[in-house]
Amino acid sequence: SESVLTKLQEVKDVHEKLKTKEAELQKIEKELASLKITAEKYRQLKQQWEMKSEESELLQTKLQQSAYHKQQEELDILK
C-alpha cells in the first residue's frame, strides 16, 4: 500500500515538473516570437537605411558634378 502511495506521489511530482517545464517553454517561445519580429523590423530598417545611403551618395555625386560643370562654364566665360 505504501509503495502505491509512493508511486502516486512520484507521478504527481513528475506531473508538476512537466507543467513547470511546459510553462517555461511557452515563455521562451513567446520571447523567441518577439525576437523574430524585432529581427525582421531591424532587417527592414537596415535595408531602408542602405537604400537611403545609396540615394544620398548618388545625390552628392550629382551635386559635385553639377558644381564642377558650373565652375567649368564660368571659367569658359572668363576665357
N, C-alpha and C. Protein backbone atom coordinates (compact mmCIF):
# COMPACT_ATOMS: atom_id res chain seq x y z
N SER A 1 0.83 -1.20 0.00
CA SER A 1 0.00 0.00 0.00
C SER A 1 0.87 1.26 0.00
N GLU A 2 1.94 1.24 0.80
CA GLU A 2 2.82 2.40 0.86
C GLU A 2 3.55 2.62 -0.47
N SER A 3 3.91 1.55 -1.13
CA SER A 3 4.62 1.70 -2.40
C SER A 3 3.70 2.30 -3.47
N VAL A 4 2.40 1.98 -3.41
CA VAL A 4 1.45 2.57 -4.36
C VAL A 4 1.34 4.08 -4.10
N LEU A 5 1.27 4.45 -2.82
CA LEU A 5 1.21 5.87 -2.47
C LEU A 5 2.49 6.59 -2.89
N THR A 6 3.61 5.92 -2.71
CA THR A 6 4.89 6.49 -3.11
C THR A 6 4.92 6.71 -4.62
N LYS A 7 4.45 5.70 -5.34
CA LYS A 7 4.41 5.80 -6.81
C LYS A 7 3.48 6.93 -7.25
N LEU A 8 2.33 7.05 -6.59
CA LEU A 8 1.39 8.12 -6.91
C LEU A 8 2.02 9.49 -6.66
N GLN A 9 2.75 9.60 -5.55
CA GLN A 9 3.43 10.87 -5.25
C GLN A 9 4.49 11.17 -6.30
N GLU A 10 5.22 10.15 -6.73
CA GLU A 10 6.24 10.33 -7.77
C GLU A 10 5.60 10.80 -9.08
N VAL A 11 4.46 10.19 -9.43
CA VAL A 11 3.75 10.58 -10.64
C VAL A 11 3.29 12.02 -10.52
N LYS A 12 2.76 12.38 -9.34
CA LYS A 12 2.31 13.75 -9.12
C LYS A 12 3.49 14.73 -9.24
N ASP A 13 4.62 14.37 -8.65
CA ASP A 13 5.81 15.23 -8.72
C ASP A 13 6.27 15.42 -10.17
N VAL A 14 6.32 14.32 -10.89
CA VAL A 14 6.73 14.39 -12.30
C VAL A 14 5.75 15.24 -13.10
N HIS A 15 4.47 15.09 -12.81
CA HIS A 15 3.43 15.87 -13.49
C HIS A 15 3.61 17.37 -13.21
N GLU A 16 3.92 17.71 -11.96
CA GLU A 16 4.16 19.12 -11.59
C GLU A 16 5.38 19.67 -12.32
N LYS A 17 6.46 18.86 -12.36
CA LYS A 17 7.67 19.29 -13.06
C LYS A 17 7.36 19.51 -14.55
N LEU A 18 6.57 18.62 -15.11
CA LEU A 18 6.19 18.75 -16.52
C LEU A 18 5.42 20.05 -16.76
N LYS A 19 4.47 20.36 -15.88
CA LYS A 19 3.70 21.59 -16.02
C LYS A 19 4.61 22.82 -15.94
N THR A 20 5.58 22.76 -15.02
CA THR A 20 6.53 23.87 -14.87
C THR A 20 7.36 24.03 -16.14
N LYS A 21 7.85 22.92 -16.67
CA LYS A 21 8.68 22.96 -17.88
C LYS A 21 7.86 23.44 -19.08
N GLU A 22 6.60 23.03 -19.15
CA GLU A 22 5.73 23.48 -20.25
C GLU A 22 5.51 24.99 -20.17
N ALA A 23 5.34 25.50 -18.96
CA ALA A 23 5.17 26.95 -18.77
C ALA A 23 6.44 27.69 -19.19
N GLU A 24 7.61 27.15 -18.82
CA GLU A 24 8.89 27.74 -19.21
C GLU A 24 9.03 27.74 -20.73
N LEU A 25 8.65 26.63 -21.34
CA LEU A 25 8.74 26.51 -22.80
C LEU A 25 7.84 27.54 -23.47
N GLN A 26 6.63 27.72 -22.97
CA GLN A 26 5.71 28.72 -23.53
C GLN A 26 6.31 30.12 -23.44
N LYS A 27 6.92 30.43 -22.29
CA LYS A 27 7.54 31.74 -22.10
C LYS A 27 8.68 31.94 -23.10
N ILE A 28 9.51 30.93 -23.27
CA ILE A 28 10.63 31.01 -24.21
C ILE A 28 10.13 31.15 -25.64
N GLU A 29 9.06 30.42 -25.98
CA GLU A 29 8.50 30.52 -27.33
C GLU A 29 7.97 31.93 -27.59
N LYS A 30 7.35 32.55 -26.59
CA LYS A 30 6.87 33.93 -26.74
C LYS A 30 8.04 34.88 -26.96
N GLU A 31 9.10 34.70 -26.15
CA GLU A 31 10.28 35.54 -26.29
C GLU A 31 10.89 35.38 -27.68
N LEU A 32 10.95 34.15 -28.16
CA LEU A 32 11.51 33.87 -29.48
C LEU A 32 10.68 34.54 -30.57
N ALA A 33 9.36 34.46 -30.46
CA ALA A 33 8.48 35.11 -31.43
C ALA A 33 8.71 36.61 -31.43
N SER A 34 8.87 37.18 -30.25
CA SER A 34 9.13 38.62 -30.13
C SER A 34 10.47 38.98 -30.76
N LEU A 35 11.48 38.15 -30.53
CA LEU A 35 12.80 38.39 -31.12
C LEU A 35 12.75 38.30 -32.64
N LYS A 36 11.96 37.37 -33.16
CA LYS A 36 11.83 37.24 -34.61
C LYS A 36 11.22 38.51 -35.21
N ILE A 37 10.21 39.05 -34.54
CA ILE A 37 9.57 40.29 -35.00
C ILE A 37 10.59 41.43 -34.98
N THR A 38 11.34 41.52 -33.88
CA THR A 38 12.36 42.57 -33.75
C THR A 38 13.43 42.42 -34.83
N ALA A 39 13.85 41.19 -35.08
CA ALA A 39 14.87 40.94 -36.10
C ALA A 39 14.36 41.34 -37.49
N GLU A 40 13.10 41.07 -37.77
CA GLU A 40 12.52 41.43 -39.06
C GLU A 40 12.44 42.95 -39.20
N LYS A 41 12.04 43.64 -38.12
CA LYS A 41 12.00 45.10 -38.15
C LYS A 41 13.40 45.66 -38.40
N TYR A 42 14.39 45.08 -37.72
CA TYR A 42 15.77 45.53 -37.89
C TYR A 42 16.22 45.33 -39.34
N ARG A 43 15.89 44.18 -39.90
CA ARG A 43 16.28 43.88 -41.28
C ARG A 43 15.67 44.91 -42.24
N GLN A 44 14.39 45.22 -42.03
CA GLN A 44 13.71 46.19 -42.88
C GLN A 44 14.33 47.58 -42.74
N LEU A 45 14.58 48.00 -41.51
CA LEU A 45 15.18 49.32 -41.28
C LEU A 45 16.58 49.40 -41.87
N LYS A 46 17.34 48.32 -41.73
CA LYS A 46 18.69 48.30 -42.28
C LYS A 46 18.64 48.43 -43.81
N GLN A 47 17.70 47.72 -44.41
CA GLN A 47 17.54 47.78 -45.86
C GLN A 47 17.16 49.20 -46.29
N GLN A 48 16.24 49.82 -45.56
CA GLN A 48 15.84 51.20 -45.87
C GLN A 48 17.03 52.15 -45.73
N TRP A 49 17.80 51.97 -44.65
CA TRP A 49 18.97 52.81 -44.42
C TRP A 49 19.97 52.66 -45.55
N GLU A 50 20.22 51.41 -45.99
CA GLU A 50 21.16 51.18 -47.09
C GLU A 50 20.69 51.87 -48.37
N MET A 51 19.38 51.79 -48.64
CA MET A 51 18.84 52.44 -49.83
C MET A 51 19.00 53.96 -49.73
N LYS A 52 18.69 54.52 -48.56
CA LYS A 52 18.82 55.97 -48.37
C LYS A 52 20.29 56.40 -48.48
N SER A 53 21.19 55.58 -47.97
CA SER A 53 22.61 55.89 -48.05
C SER A 53 23.06 55.93 -49.51
N GLU A 54 22.63 54.94 -50.28
CA GLU A 54 22.97 54.91 -51.72
C GLU A 54 22.40 56.14 -52.41
N GLU A 55 21.15 56.46 -52.10
CA GLU A 55 20.48 57.62 -52.68
C GLU A 55 21.27 58.89 -52.35
N SER A 56 21.69 59.00 -51.10
CA SER A 56 22.45 60.16 -50.66
C SER A 56 23.78 60.27 -51.41
N GLU A 57 24.47 59.15 -51.58
CA GLU A 57 25.74 59.14 -52.31
C GLU A 57 25.53 59.57 -53.76
N LEU A 58 24.46 59.07 -54.39
CA LEU A 58 24.17 59.45 -55.77
C LEU A 58 23.89 60.95 -55.88
N LEU A 59 23.09 61.47 -54.96
CA LEU A 59 22.78 62.90 -54.97
C LEU A 59 24.04 63.74 -54.75
N GLN A 60 24.91 63.28 -53.86
CA GLN A 60 26.15 64.00 -53.59
C GLN A 60 27.02 64.03 -54.85
N THR A 61 27.10 62.90 -55.53
CA THR A 61 27.88 62.82 -56.76
C THR A 61 27.31 63.77 -57.80
N LYS A 62 25.99 63.76 -57.95
CA LYS A 62 25.34 64.66 -58.91
C LYS A 62 25.63 66.12 -58.57
N LEU A 63 25.53 66.43 -57.28
CA LEU A 63 25.80 67.80 -56.83
C LEU A 63 27.22 68.21 -57.17
N GLN A 64 28.17 67.34 -56.88
CA GLN A 64 29.58 67.64 -57.16
C GLN A 64 29.78 67.83 -58.66
N GLN A 65 29.16 66.95 -59.45
CA GLN A 65 29.31 67.05 -60.90
C GLN A 65 28.70 68.35 -61.42
N SER A 66 27.52 68.70 -60.91
CA SER A 66 26.89 69.92 -61.40
C SER A 66 27.68 71.16 -60.94
N ALA A 67 28.23 71.13 -59.74
CA ALA A 67 29.04 72.24 -59.25
C ALA A 67 30.30 72.37 -60.11
N TYR A 68 30.90 71.24 -60.41
CA TYR A 68 32.10 71.24 -61.25
C TYR A 68 31.75 71.77 -62.64
N HIS A 69 30.64 71.31 -63.17
CA HIS A 69 30.19 71.73 -64.50
C HIS A 69 29.94 73.24 -64.53
N LYS A 70 29.32 73.76 -63.47
CA LYS A 70 29.03 75.20 -63.39
C LYS A 70 30.34 75.99 -63.34
N GLN A 71 31.30 75.49 -62.56
CA GLN A 71 32.60 76.16 -62.49
C GLN A 71 33.29 76.17 -63.85
N GLN A 72 33.18 75.06 -64.56
CA GLN A 72 33.79 74.96 -65.89
C GLN A 72 33.16 75.99 -66.84
N GLU A 73 31.83 76.13 -66.78
CA GLU A 73 31.14 77.10 -67.63
C GLU A 73 31.59 78.51 -67.29
N GLU A 74 31.74 78.80 -65.99
CA GLU A 74 32.17 80.14 -65.57
C GLU A 74 33.59 80.42 -66.05
N LEU A 75 34.43 79.38 -65.98
CA LEU A 75 35.82 79.54 -66.47
C LEU A 75 35.82 79.80 -67.96
N ASP A 76 34.98 79.07 -68.70
CA ASP A 76 34.91 79.25 -70.16
C ASP A 76 34.47 80.65 -70.51
N ILE A 77 33.53 81.19 -69.73
CA ILE A 77 33.04 82.56 -69.97
C ILE A 77 34.18 83.54 -69.74
N LEU A 78 34.99 83.32 -68.70
CA LEU A 78 36.08 84.22 -68.38
C LEU A 78 37.20 84.17 -69.42
N LYS A 79 37.32 83.08 -70.11
CA LYS A 79 38.40 82.94 -71.10
C LYS A 79 38.19 83.78 -72.29
